[in-house]
C-alpha atoms as a PDB file:
ATOM      1  CA  MET A   1     -12.451   2.520 -12.763  1.00  0.00           C
ATOM      2  CA  SER A   2     -12.027   6.080 -14.044  1.00  0.00           C
ATOM      3  CA  ALA A   3     -13.916   7.314 -10.974  1.00  0.00           C
ATOM      4  CA  GLN A   4     -11.123   5.917  -8.821  1.00  0.00           C
ATOM      5  CA  LEU A   5      -8.524   7.762 -10.884  1.00  0.00           C
ATOM      6  CA  ASN A   6     -10.336  11.075 -10.396  1.00  0.00           C
ATOM      7  CA  GLU A   7     -10.687  10.759  -6.628  1.00  0.00           C
ATOM      8  CA  PRO A   8      -8.095  12.622  -4.591  1.00  0.00           C
ATOM      9  CA  SER A   9      -5.506  10.331  -3.114  1.00  0.00           C
ATOM     10  CA  PRO A  10      -5.720   9.843   0.661  1.00  0.00           C
ATOM     11  CA  ILE A  11      -1.961   9.383   0.603  1.00  0.00           C
ATOM     12  CA  PRO A  12       0.034  12.586   1.120  1.00  0.00           C
ATOM     13  CA  SER A  13       2.793  13.607  -1.211  1.00  0.00           C
ATOM     14  CA  ALA A  14       6.341  14.474  -0.244  1.00  0.00           C
ATOM     15  CA  PRO A  15       7.341  17.404  -2.456  1.00  0.00           C
ATOM     16  CA  PHE A  16      10.764  18.915  -2.005  1.00  0.00           C
ATOM     17  CA  ASP A  17      10.842  21.719  -4.558  1.00  0.00           C
ATOM     18  CA  ASP A  18      10.347  24.257  -1.766  1.00  0.00           C
ATOM     19  CA  LEU A  19      13.310  22.922   0.226  1.00  0.00           C
ATOM     20  CA  ASP A  20      17.037  23.546   0.089  1.00  0.00           C
ATOM     21  CA  LEU A  21      18.430  20.134   1.010  1.00  0.00           C
ATOM     22  CA  ASP A  22      21.832  21.651   1.763  1.00  0.00           C
ATOM     23  CA  ARG A  23      20.278  23.196   4.880  1.00  0.00           C
ATOM     24  CA  ALA A  24      19.921  20.919   7.918  1.00  0.00           C
ATOM     25  CA  GLU A  25      16.432  22.279   8.730  1.00  0.00           C
ATOM     26  CA  ASP A  26      15.159  21.569   5.231  1.00  0.00           C
ATOM     27  CA  GLU A  27      16.747  18.122   5.208  1.00  0.00           C
ATOM     28  CA  GLU A  28      14.927  17.354   8.476  1.00  0.00           C
ATOM     29  CA  GLU A  29      11.667  18.602   6.953  1.00  0.00           C
ATOM     30  CA  TRP A  30      12.213  16.371   3.900  1.00  0.00           C
ATOM     31  CA  GLU A  31      12.775  13.370   6.172  1.00  0.00           C
ATOM     32  CA  ARG A  32       9.601  14.227   8.102  1.00  0.00           C
ATOM     33  CA  ARG A  33       7.605  14.380   4.846  1.00  0.00           C
ATOM     34  CA  VAL A  34       9.013  11.085   3.580  1.00  0.00           C
ATOM     35  CA  MET A  35       8.270   9.348   6.877  1.00  0.00           C
ATOM     36  CA  ALA A  36       4.706  10.739   6.863  1.00  0.00           C
ATOM     37  CA  LEU A  37       4.296   9.470   3.303  1.00  0.00           C
ATOM     38  CA  ALA A  38       5.597   6.019   4.258  1.00  0.00           C
ATOM     39  CA  ALA A  39       3.336   5.824   7.323  1.00  0.00           C
ATOM     40  CA  ALA A  40       0.277   6.797   5.272  1.00  0.00           C
ATOM     41  CA  ARG A  41       1.067   4.218   2.586  1.00  0.00           C
ATOM     42  CA  ILE A  42       1.596   1.473   5.166  1.00  0.00           C
ATOM     43  CA  ALA A  43      -1.694   2.347   6.900  1.00  0.00           C
ATOM     44  CA  ALA A  44      -3.585   2.393   3.586  1.00  0.00           C
ATOM     45  CA  GLU A  45      -2.178  -0.976   2.547  1.00  0.00           C
ATOM     46  CA  ARG A  46      -2.907  -2.516   5.936  1.00  0.00           C
ATOM     47  CA  ALA A  47      -6.524  -1.296   5.750  1.00  0.00           C
ATOM     48  CA  ARG A  48      -6.826  -2.735   2.223  1.00  0.00           C
ATOM     49  CA  LEU A  49      -5.493  -6.125   3.346  1.00  0.00           C
ATOM     50  CA  GLU A  50      -7.941  -6.131   6.269  1.00  0.00           C
ATOM     51  CA  ARG A  51     -10.857  -5.255   3.949  1.00  0.00           C
ATOM     52  CA  LEU A  52      -9.866  -8.124   1.661  1.00  0.00           C
ATOM     53  CA  GLY A  53      -9.828 -10.495   4.634  1.00  0.00           C
ATOM     54  CA  ILE A  54      -6.156 -11.341   4.180  1.00  0.00           C
ATOM     55  CA  ILE A  55      -5.067 -10.101   7.620  1.00  0.00           C
ATOM     56  CA  ASP A  56      -6.931  -9.492  10.862  1.00  0.00           C
ATOM     57  CA  ALA A  57      -6.937  -6.359  13.044  1.00  0.00           C
ATOM     58  CA  LYS A  58      -3.644  -7.452  14.635  1.00  0.00           C
ATOM     59  CA  GLY A  59      -1.980  -7.839  11.240  1.00  0.00           C
ATOM     60  CA  ASP A  60      -1.878 -11.627  11.365  1.00  0.00           C
ATOM     61  CA  LEU A  61      -2.733 -13.751   8.331  1.00  0.00           C
ATOM     62  CA  VAL A  62      -6.315 -14.975   8.463  1.00  0.00           C
ATOM     63  CA  SER A  63      -5.488 -18.210   6.664  1.00  0.00           C
ATOM     64  CA  ARG A  64      -2.447 -19.983   5.358  1.00  0.00           C
ATOM     65  CA  ASP A  65      -4.509 -22.161   3.012  1.00  0.00           C
ATOM     66  CA  LEU A  66      -4.101 -21.790  -0.734  1.00  0.00           C
ATOM     67  CA  PRO A  67      -7.076 -20.404  -2.667  1.00  0.00           C
ATOM     68  CA  PRO A  68      -9.133 -23.152  -4.360  1.00  0.00           C
ATOM     69  CA  ASP A  69      -7.834 -22.284  -7.831  1.00  0.00           C
ATOM     70  CA  MET A  70      -4.240 -22.894  -6.696  1.00  0.00           C
ATOM     71  CA  LEU A  71      -4.782 -26.358  -5.239  1.00  0.00           C
ATOM     72  CA  PRO A  72      -3.318 -29.341  -7.152  1.00  0.00           C
ATOM     73  CA  GLU A  73      -6.795 -30.748  -7.856  1.00  0.00           C
ATOM     74  CA  SER A  74      -8.004 -27.476  -9.414  1.00  0.00           C
ATOM     75  CA  ASN A  75      -9.120 -27.493 -13.057  1.00  0.00           C
ATOM     76  CA  THR A  76      -7.614 -24.074 -13.751  1.00  0.00           C
ATOM     77  CA  THR A  77      -4.683 -23.759 -16.127  1.00  0.00           C
ATOM     78  CA  LEU A  78      -1.923 -21.335 -16.899  1.00  0.00           C
ATOM     79  CA  GLU A  79      -3.080 -21.022 -20.506  1.00  0.00           C
ATOM     80  CA  THR A  80      -4.618 -17.641 -21.283  1.00  0.00           C
ATOM     81  CA  GLY A  81      -6.102 -18.210 -24.663  1.00  0.00           C
END
């Protein structure tokens, strides 16, 4: 797990310390950065959900069935120890 923490994030950041948000141009640049950040996060999450088999390439749910451990006849419990 620590290897994952050391890998560079594929998601861009949206710093604003170099901007003067009182200027219209800098405010537009900030909005561009935030929108790029949002788009990257949405794309990353969509890819993760596809890899997990939760959604298909069109973004539709693969199944609406409950996992086996959530079915009423399951032997699992809510007790943790």
